[in-house]
Amino acid sequence: MTHAREYIAWGAGILLWIFGLSILLSTIAFGYLDWPTVRHMALVLMPGLVLAAIFLFVLKRPEDLKAGEQKVAHVGRALRERTT
């Protein structure tokens, strides 16, 4: 995993932690879960998480992509050998 992907993963994790913690603390403080507020918070959080997922995919190393292709080819060969 490249450094950029690590930073993106950590950033997304921190965002999720902050939003989850704020929902938990507000539930504890007020004694109930306010679903419209949680829904609004999720709508605010979703674009950032979608961008993080896109960047994690785009910043993949070429070696990682080639390793995935080799695995698929190897599995395909194994399936061909079993069926014949």
Protein backbone atom coordinates (compact mmCIF):
# COMPACT_ATOMS: atom_id res chain seq x y z
CA MET A 1 0.00 0.00 0.00
CA THR A 2 1.40 3.35 -0.99
CA HIS A 3 1.69 6.24 1.44
CA ALA A 4 -1.07 8.14 -0.32
CA ARG A 5 -3.46 5.19 0.08
CA GLU A 6 -2.54 4.89 3.76
CA TYR A 7 -3.29 8.59 4.32
CA ILE A 8 -6.61 8.27 2.52
CA ALA A 9 -7.56 5.19 4.55
CA TRP A 10 -6.61 6.87 7.81
CA GLY A 11 -8.52 10.03 6.88
CA ALA A 12 -11.66 8.06 6.02
CA GLY A 13 -11.33 6.09 9.25
CA ILE A 14 -10.97 9.26 11.30
CA LEU A 15 -14.03 10.78 9.64
CA LEU A 16 -16.07 7.66 10.39
CA TRP A 17 -14.80 7.65 13.99
CA ILE A 18 -15.73 11.32 14.50
CA PHE A 19 -19.22 10.89 13.07
CA GLY A 20 -19.82 7.66 15.02
CA LEU A 21 -18.57 9.19 18.24
CA SER A 22 -20.71 12.29 17.82
CA ILE A 23 -23.81 10.12 17.25
CA LEU A 24 -22.97 8.03 20.33
CA LEU A 25 -22.31 11.05 22.56
CA SER A 26 -25.46 12.83 21.43
CA THR A 27 -27.48 9.68 22.12
CA ILE A 28 -25.99 9.42 25.61
CA ALA A 29 -26.48 13.13 26.33
CA PHE A 30 -30.07 13.42 25.14
CA GLY A 31 -31.29 9.87 25.78
CA TYR A 32 -32.59 9.19 22.27
CA LEU A 33 -31.31 8.86 18.74
CA ASP A 34 -32.45 11.65 16.44
CA TRP A 35 -32.80 9.85 13.10
CA PRO A 36 -33.22 12.96 10.92
CA THR A 37 -29.93 14.30 12.26
CA VAL A 38 -28.19 10.96 11.74
CA ARG A 39 -29.54 10.81 8.17
CA HIS A 40 -28.27 14.36 7.53
CA MET A 41 -24.85 13.48 8.96
CA ALA A 42 -24.70 10.42 6.70
CA LEU A 43 -25.54 12.55 3.68
CA VAL A 44 -22.72 14.93 4.61
CA LEU A 45 -20.29 12.04 5.10
CA MET A 46 -21.09 10.04 1.93
CA PRO A 47 -19.37 12.27 -0.69
CA GLY A 48 -16.12 12.13 1.28
CA LEU A 49 -16.27 8.36 1.61
CA VAL A 50 -17.08 7.94 -2.08
CA LEU A 51 -14.09 10.12 -3.01
CA ALA A 52 -11.87 8.13 -0.64
CA ALA A 53 -12.98 4.87 -2.27
CA ILE A 54 -12.34 6.27 -5.75
CA PHE A 55 -8.88 7.53 -4.77
CA LEU A 56 -8.03 4.21 -3.10
CA PHE A 57 -8.85 2.45 -6.36
CA VAL A 58 -7.10 4.98 -8.62
CA LEU A 59 -3.89 5.07 -6.57
CA LYS A 60 -3.41 1.31 -6.73
CA ARG A 61 0.08 0.21 -7.71
CA PRO A 62 0.46 -1.40 -11.13
CA GLU A 63 2.02 -4.45 -9.42
CA ASP A 64 -1.17 -4.93 -7.40
CA LEU A 65 -3.24 -4.90 -10.58
CA LYS A 66 -0.93 -7.39 -12.30
CA ALA A 67 -1.01 -9.71 -9.27
CA GLY A 68 -4.80 -9.72 -9.43
CA GLU A 69 -4.72 -10.58 -13.12
CA GLN A 70 -2.30 -13.44 -12.49
CA LYS A 71 -4.54 -14.84 -9.77
CA VAL A 72 -7.52 -14.78 -12.10
CA ALA A 73 -5.53 -16.47 -14.86
CA HIS A 74 -4.30 -19.10 -12.41
CA VAL A 75 -7.81 -19.82 -11.14
CA GLY A 76 -9.07 -20.06 -14.70
CA ARG A 77 -6.35 -22.57 -15.56
CA ALA A 78 -7.16 -24.60 -12.47
CA LEU A 79 -10.83 -24.69 -13.41
CA ARG A 80 -10.01 -25.77 -16.96
CA GLU A 81 -7.84 -28.61 -15.65
CA ARG A 82 -10.59 -29.82 -13.33
CA THR A 83 -13.28 -29.84 -16.00
CA THR A 84 -11.27 -31.86 -18.53
